[in-house]
Amino acid sequence: MTTLEEAAFAGDEAAFAALAGRYRRELHVHCYRMLGSYDEAEDAVQDTFLHAWRARDSYDGRTYFRAWLYKIATNICLDVVRRPTARDLVWLQPYPDRLLDEIAPADDRPDVVAVDRETIELTFLIALQALPPRQRATLIARDVLGWSAAETAGLLDTSVAAANSALQRARVTMQQRLPVRRSDWSAPQPTAEEREVLARFIDAHQRCDAAAAIAIAAEDLRISMPPDRLSFDGLAACLPLFERGLGPNRDGEWRLVPTSANRLPAAASYLLRPGDTVWRAFKLDVLRVHDGKIAEIMTFGYSRFPAFGLPDRLTP
């Protein structure tokens, strides 16, 4: 054990908090993948640290402290998804890139894996949430965290054969649920093409130009508005939304702030209503771009703004 670990497990609460705090962000992302909810992930991490502190005497030092925390966090998440008050995809929430960037390999922690788009993109998370809980945990451990079959079996207190079987079933389900048309998801940040499309999206909204917004939309555009289950599929079905938001009968004038979520381009929208003097927080649009066109827009409420470091209003 390191000196910090020795102090932590000897009962030094400050040392334990410092030790566990090193892993807070990556554990939060792990719980987010398991639960699909930023807020529920926050609760799960808090519970993880509390449980770890209370169970510190059970840590024998034979496993890495990080792996021990992951096991606690995974079990807490499994308990959450098994509760009778069933959670479902309506709770899916975006994750700010500015917080994902806090996770990066370092000389003293080479086991930390940077968060790539393919492991955090909203489409991937939706498919992930459809897996049975233990299959979900298995796939995250093997294909996202890069753990071995033996490490994964230890994480879930099962056999290597059972872990491998769960992984195979999970991979088949993911292949069936993920869209056939997938762009290169290896980029850690929105690409130049995506940033250009986002700039055009922002410009069209701030000029209230519905035609310009429609011009950058794909024919198979999909618009969804979690937690509402309703979605609009196909450009023809989405046209009334553009006309309603940007046409002559719109609710006011728009100002948009570029940001990014789940390694995708995003825009925070503020609305200036007639008679008002400030632009007030309204919505967050996360865009999926393919071949220079917007293939999908996931619209979230302004309650997510604080996590993105966004203000609740803009002044002239």
Protein backbone atom coordinates (compact mmCIF):
# COMPACT_ATOMS: atom_id res chain seq x y z
CA MET A 1 0.00 0.00 0.00
CA THR A 2 1.03 3.60 -0.54
CA THR A 3 1.40 5.97 2.39
CA LEU A 4 -1.92 7.61 1.51
CA GLU A 5 -3.66 4.23 1.35
CA GLU A 6 -2.21 3.19 4.69
CA ALA A 7 -3.48 6.40 6.30
CA ALA A 8 -6.88 6.04 4.63
CA PHE A 9 -7.43 2.48 5.80
CA ALA A 10 -6.11 3.28 9.25
CA GLY A 11 -9.16 5.51 9.68
CA ASP A 12 -7.92 8.91 8.48
CA GLU A 13 -11.12 10.26 6.91
CA ALA A 14 -9.35 13.11 5.11
CA ALA A 15 -6.82 10.70 3.60
CA PHE A 16 -9.61 8.36 2.51
CA ALA A 17 -11.51 11.24 0.88
CA ALA A 18 -8.36 12.31 -0.96
CA LEU A 19 -7.66 8.76 -2.13
CA ALA A 20 -11.20 8.07 -3.30
CA GLY A 21 -11.50 11.53 -4.82
CA ARG A 22 -8.87 10.65 -7.42
CA TYR A 23 -11.43 8.33 -9.00
CA ARG A 24 -14.57 10.43 -8.61
CA ARG A 25 -14.97 11.52 -12.22
CA GLU A 26 -14.25 8.15 -13.82
CA LEU A 27 -16.55 6.43 -11.34
CA HIS A 28 -19.23 9.00 -12.15
CA VAL A 29 -18.89 8.21 -15.86
CA HIS A 30 -19.00 4.47 -15.10
CA CYS A 31 -22.22 4.89 -13.11
CA TYR A 32 -23.59 7.14 -15.86
CA ARG A 33 -23.04 4.39 -18.41
CA MET A 34 -24.75 1.90 -16.12
CA LEU A 35 -27.72 4.15 -15.32
CA GLY A 36 -28.03 6.59 -18.24
CA SER A 37 -28.68 9.42 -15.80
CA TYR A 38 -26.19 12.12 -14.78
CA ASP A 39 -28.09 12.80 -11.56
CA GLU A 40 -28.49 9.15 -10.58
CA ALA A 41 -24.80 8.62 -11.28
CA GLU A 42 -23.99 11.41 -8.83
CA ASP A 43 -26.05 9.68 -6.14
CA ALA A 44 -24.42 6.34 -6.94
CA VAL A 45 -20.91 7.77 -6.55
CA GLN A 46 -21.81 9.32 -3.21
CA ASP A 47 -23.18 5.96 -2.07
CA THR A 48 -20.03 4.24 -3.35
CA PHE A 49 -17.74 6.43 -1.29
CA LEU A 50 -19.92 6.08 1.81
CA HIS A 51 -20.04 2.30 1.45
CA ALA A 52 -16.29 2.13 0.80
CA TRP A 53 -15.54 4.17 3.92
CA ARG A 54 -17.75 1.99 6.08
CA ALA A 55 -16.33 -1.21 4.58
CA ARG A 56 -12.68 -0.11 4.57
CA ASP A 57 -11.73 -2.84 7.04
CA SER A 58 -12.74 -5.44 4.44
CA TYR A 59 -10.19 -4.16 1.92
CA ASP A 60 -7.27 -6.58 2.06
CA GLY A 61 -4.96 -4.77 -0.35
CA ARG A 62 -4.69 -7.75 -2.69
CA THR A 63 -6.67 -5.95 -5.39
CA TYR A 64 -6.15 -2.45 -6.69
CA PHE A 65 -8.08 0.19 -4.77
CA ARG A 66 -9.55 1.42 -8.07
CA ALA A 67 -10.91 -2.05 -8.89
CA TRP A 68 -12.37 -2.31 -5.37
CA LEU A 69 -14.21 0.99 -5.85
CA TYR A 70 -15.48 -0.10 -9.27
CA LYS A 71 -16.91 -3.28 -7.76
CA ILE A 72 -18.75 -1.31 -5.09
CA ALA A 73 -20.04 1.21 -7.65
CA THR A 74 -21.17 -1.54 -10.03
CA ASN A 75 -23.12 -3.34 -7.32
CA ILE A 76 -24.79 -0.11 -6.26
CA CYS A 77 -25.83 0.54 -9.86
CA LEU A 78 -27.14 -3.01 -10.21
CA ASP A 79 -29.25 -2.44 -7.11
CA VAL A 80 -30.64 0.79 -8.61
CA VAL A 81 -31.73 -0.80 -11.88
CA ARG A 82 -33.33 -3.74 -10.08
CA ARG A 83 -35.59 -1.61 -7.93
CA PRO A 84 -39.35 -2.27 -8.34
CA THR A 85 -39.87 1.37 -9.35
CA ALA A 86 -38.47 0.62 -12.77
CA ARG A 87 -36.29 3.21 -14.41
CA ASP A 88 -36.26 3.42 -18.17
CA LEU A 89 -34.84 5.39 -21.07
CA VAL A 90 -36.86 8.49 -20.31
CA TRP A 91 -34.19 9.32 -17.71
CA LEU A 92 -31.36 9.48 -20.24
CA GLN A 93 -29.43 12.71 -19.69
CA PRO A 94 -26.52 14.32 -21.57
CA TYR A 95 -23.00 14.44 -20.13
CA PRO A 96 -20.91 17.62 -20.47
CA ASP A 97 -17.67 17.17 -22.41
CA ARG A 98 -15.93 19.62 -20.11
CA LEU A 99 -16.29 17.06 -17.32
CA LEU A 100 -15.36 14.09 -19.52
CA ASP A 101 -12.09 15.88 -20.24
CA GLU A 102 -11.15 15.55 -16.57
CA ILE A 103 -10.49 11.86 -17.24
CA ALA A 104 -7.13 11.21 -18.88
CA PRO A 105 -4.27 8.75 -18.43
CA ALA A 106 -1.40 9.99 -16.27
CA ASP A 107 2.04 8.70 -15.33
CA ASP A 108 0.80 7.66 -11.90
CA ARG A 109 -2.48 6.22 -13.22
CA PRO A 110 -1.82 4.55 -16.61
CA ASP A 111 -4.88 2.31 -16.16
CA VAL A 112 -7.24 5.25 -16.67
CA VAL A 113 -8.84 5.23 -20.12
CA ALA A 114 -9.77 8.50 -21.82
CA VAL A 115 -13.45 8.73 -22.73
CA ASP A 116 -13.88 8.07 -26.45
CA ARG A 117 -17.01 8.96 -28.36
CA GLU A 118 -17.99 5.38 -29.11
CA THR A 119 -18.31 4.62 -25.39
CA ILE A 120 -20.33 7.69 -24.36
CA GLU A 121 -22.36 8.70 -27.43
CA LEU A 122 -26.07 8.90 -26.68
CA THR A 123 -27.03 6.29 -29.28
CA PHE A 124 -24.61 3.84 -27.65
CA LEU A 125 -26.04 4.59 -24.21
CA ILE A 126 -29.61 4.02 -25.36
CA ALA A 127 -28.61 0.61 -26.70
CA LEU A 128 -26.66 -0.09 -23.51
CA GLN A 129 -29.65 0.63 -21.28
CA ALA A 130 -31.63 -2.05 -23.13
CA LEU A 131 -29.27 -4.78 -21.88
CA PRO A 132 -30.04 -6.81 -18.77
CA PRO A 133 -28.10 -5.28 -15.85
CA ARG A 134 -25.36 -7.90 -15.54
CA GLN A 135 -24.82 -8.04 -19.29
CA ARG A 136 -24.54 -4.26 -19.25
CA ALA A 137 -21.93 -4.35 -16.51
CA THR A 138 -20.02 -7.11 -18.30
CA LEU A 139 -19.90 -5.27 -21.61
CA ILE A 140 -18.79 -2.03 -19.93
CA ALA A 141 -16.01 -3.82 -18.06
CA ARG A 142 -14.71 -5.74 -21.09
CA ASP A 143 -15.33 -3.46 -24.06
CA VAL A 144 -15.19 -0.02 -22.43
CA LEU A 145 -12.80 -0.34 -19.50
CA GLY A 146 -10.69 -3.02 -21.17
CA TRP A 147 -10.75 -5.42 -18.23
CA SER A 148 -9.83 -9.07 -18.71
CA ALA A 149 -12.33 -11.90 -18.46
CA ALA A 150 -10.92 -12.84 -15.05
CA GLU A 151 -11.12 -9.26 -13.78
CA THR A 152 -14.68 -8.96 -15.02
CA ALA A 153 -15.65 -12.22 -13.36
CA GLY A 154 -14.20 -10.90 -10.11
CA LEU A 155 -16.10 -7.64 -10.51
CA LEU A 156 -19.41 -9.50 -10.74
CA ASP A 157 -18.59 -12.43 -8.44
CA THR A 158 -19.15 -14.95 -11.19
CA SER A 159 -17.13 -17.46 -13.22
CA VAL A 160 -15.04 -16.57 -16.25
CA ALA A 161 -17.26 -18.79 -18.39
CA ALA A 162 -20.40 -16.99 -17.19
CA ALA A 163 -18.79 -13.60 -17.78
CA ASN A 164 -17.79 -14.59 -21.32
CA SER A 165 -21.28 -15.89 -22.03
CA ALA A 166 -22.84 -12.64 -20.80
CA LEU A 167 -20.43 -10.66 -22.96
CA GLN A 168 -21.33 -12.62 -26.09
CA ARG A 169 -25.04 -12.08 -25.55
CA ALA A 170 -24.51 -8.40 -24.83
CA ARG A 171 -22.46 -7.88 -28.00
CA VAL A 172 -25.15 -9.51 -30.13
CA THR A 173 -27.83 -7.25 -28.67
CA MET A 174 -25.70 -4.14 -29.14
CA GLN A 175 -25.03 -5.01 -32.78
CA GLN A 176 -28.77 -5.38 -33.33
CA ARG A 177 -29.65 -2.10 -31.63
CA LEU A 178 -26.92 0.24 -32.83
CA PRO A 179 -27.60 1.98 -36.16
CA VAL A 180 -26.09 0.33 -39.21
CA ARG A 181 -24.89 3.70 -40.50
CA ARG A 182 -22.18 4.78 -38.10
CA SER A 183 -19.55 7.42 -38.73
CA ASP A 184 -16.03 7.29 -37.30
CA TRP A 185 -16.52 7.56 -33.56
CA SER A 186 -12.82 7.51 -32.67
CA ALA A 187 -12.52 11.30 -32.51
CA PRO A 188 -12.33 12.47 -28.88
CA GLN A 189 -13.98 15.80 -29.70
CA PRO A 190 -16.44 17.10 -32.33
CA THR A 191 -14.76 17.18 -35.74
CA ALA A 192 -14.23 20.22 -37.96
CA GLU A 193 -17.21 19.15 -40.08
CA GLU A 194 -19.40 18.86 -37.00
CA ARG A 195 -18.29 22.24 -35.71
CA GLU A 196 -19.14 23.79 -39.08
CA VAL A 197 -22.62 22.23 -39.07
CA LEU A 198 -23.12 23.42 -35.50
CA ALA A 199 -22.13 26.96 -36.51
CA ARG A 200 -24.67 26.87 -39.34
CA PHE A 201 -27.31 25.49 -36.97
CA ILE A 202 -26.66 28.35 -34.54
CA ASP A 203 -26.66 30.96 -37.29
CA ALA A 204 -29.96 29.71 -38.73
CA HIS A 205 -31.62 29.87 -35.32
CA GLN A 206 -30.28 33.29 -34.41
CA ARG A 207 -31.52 34.64 -37.75
CA CYS A 208 -34.78 32.70 -37.33
CA ASP A 209 -34.21 31.25 -40.79
CA ALA A 210 -36.18 28.01 -41.02
CA ALA A 211 -35.02 27.37 -44.59
CA ALA A 212 -31.36 27.55 -43.54
CA ALA A 213 -31.97 25.12 -40.68
CA ILE A 214 -33.79 22.71 -42.98
CA ALA A 215 -30.95 22.91 -45.52
CA ILE A 216 -28.51 21.24 -43.11
CA ALA A 217 -30.94 18.50 -42.03
CA ALA A 218 -30.71 14.96 -43.39
CA GLU A 219 -33.72 13.41 -45.11
CA ASP A 220 -33.88 10.80 -42.35
CA LEU A 221 -33.56 13.36 -39.55
CA ARG A 222 -34.81 12.23 -36.17
CA ILE A 223 -35.81 14.61 -33.38
CA SER A 224 -36.50 13.39 -29.86
CA MET A 225 -37.16 15.23 -26.61
CA PRO A 226 -36.30 13.15 -23.53
CA PRO A 227 -37.95 12.47 -21.14
CA ASP A 228 -40.93 12.59 -23.53
CA ARG A 229 -41.20 9.34 -25.48
CA LEU A 230 -42.43 11.18 -28.56
CA SER A 231 -40.04 11.38 -31.52
CA PHE A 232 -40.27 12.76 -35.06
CA ASP A 233 -38.77 10.58 -37.78
CA GLY A 234 -37.95 11.86 -41.24
CA LEU A 235 -37.45 15.42 -42.42
CA ALA A 236 -41.08 15.77 -43.50
CA ALA A 237 -42.26 15.00 -39.97
CA CYS A 238 -39.78 17.50 -38.51
CA LEU A 239 -40.64 20.45 -40.78
CA PRO A 240 -43.48 21.75 -38.56
CA LEU A 241 -41.04 21.95 -35.65
CA PHE A 242 -38.67 24.19 -37.60
CA GLU A 243 -41.54 26.38 -38.75
CA ARG A 244 -42.94 26.60 -35.23
CA GLY A 245 -39.63 27.54 -33.67
CA LEU A 246 -38.23 29.79 -36.39
CA GLY A 247 -41.21 30.95 -38.45
CA PRO A 248 -43.25 34.16 -38.17
CA ASN A 249 -45.38 32.74 -35.33
CA ARG A 250 -42.38 31.84 -33.14
CA ASP A 251 -42.31 32.65 -29.43
CA GLY A 252 -39.46 35.17 -29.67
CA GLU A 253 -35.84 35.65 -30.71
CA TRP A 254 -33.07 33.13 -30.18
CA ARG A 255 -29.51 33.30 -28.97
CA LEU A 256 -27.47 30.09 -28.93
CA VAL A 257 -24.25 29.15 -27.15
CA PRO A 258 -22.07 26.35 -28.59
CA THR A 259 -21.07 23.52 -26.28
CA SER A 260 -20.58 19.75 -26.52
CA ALA A 261 -22.08 16.71 -24.83
CA ASN A 262 -21.21 13.02 -25.00
CA ARG A 263 -18.46 13.94 -27.49
CA LEU A 264 -21.06 15.44 -29.85
CA PRO A 265 -21.69 19.06 -30.87
CA ALA A 266 -24.44 20.78 -28.91
CA ALA A 267 -26.09 24.17 -28.58
CA ALA A 268 -27.70 25.81 -25.57
CA SER A 269 -30.70 27.91 -26.62
CA TYR A 270 -31.92 31.07 -24.91
CA LEU A 271 -35.24 32.72 -25.77
CA LEU A 272 -36.06 36.43 -25.69
CA ARG A 273 -39.83 36.70 -25.50
CA PRO A 274 -41.72 39.85 -26.57
CA GLY A 275 -41.58 42.44 -23.80
CA ASP A 276 -38.69 40.73 -22.00
CA THR A 277 -35.23 42.26 -21.64
CA VAL A 278 -33.10 39.12 -21.25
CA TRP A 279 -32.69 35.82 -23.07
CA ARG A 280 -33.77 33.03 -20.72
CA ALA A 281 -32.53 29.43 -20.72
CA PHE A 282 -34.79 27.28 -22.87
CA LYS A 283 -33.27 24.01 -24.15
CA LEU A 284 -30.13 22.04 -25.00
CA ASP A 285 -29.85 20.44 -28.46
CA VAL A 286 -27.32 17.63 -28.96
CA LEU A 287 -26.60 16.95 -32.63
CA ARG A 288 -25.48 13.84 -34.45
CA VAL A 289 -23.94 14.75 -37.79
CA HIS A 290 -23.44 12.42 -40.76
CA ASP A 291 -22.02 13.43 -44.15
CA GLY A 292 -22.33 17.12 -43.37
CA LYS A 293 -26.00 16.92 -42.40
CA ILE A 294 -27.79 16.73 -39.06
CA ALA A 295 -29.00 13.15 -38.71
CA GLU A 296 -30.41 13.47 -35.21
CA ILE A 297 -31.31 16.14 -32.66
CA MET A 298 -31.88 15.17 -29.04
CA THR A 299 -33.45 18.08 -27.18
CA PHE A 300 -33.13 18.33 -23.40
CA GLY A 301 -34.56 20.84 -20.96
CA TYR A 302 -32.62 23.72 -19.47
CA SER A 303 -32.34 21.92 -16.13
CA ARG A 304 -29.11 20.44 -17.53
CA PHE A 305 -27.48 23.88 -17.95
CA PRO A 306 -25.73 24.02 -14.53
CA ALA A 307 -23.81 20.81 -15.24
CA PHE A 308 -22.55 22.40 -18.46
CA GLY A 309 -21.47 25.58 -16.68
CA LEU A 310 -24.10 27.56 -18.58
CA PRO A 311 -25.91 30.61 -17.14
CA ASP A 312 -29.68 30.69 -16.77
CA ARG A 313 -29.95 33.92 -18.76
CA LEU A 314 -28.09 36.12 -21.23
CA THR A 315 -28.20 39.90 -21.32
CA PRO A 316 -27.97 42.14 -24.42
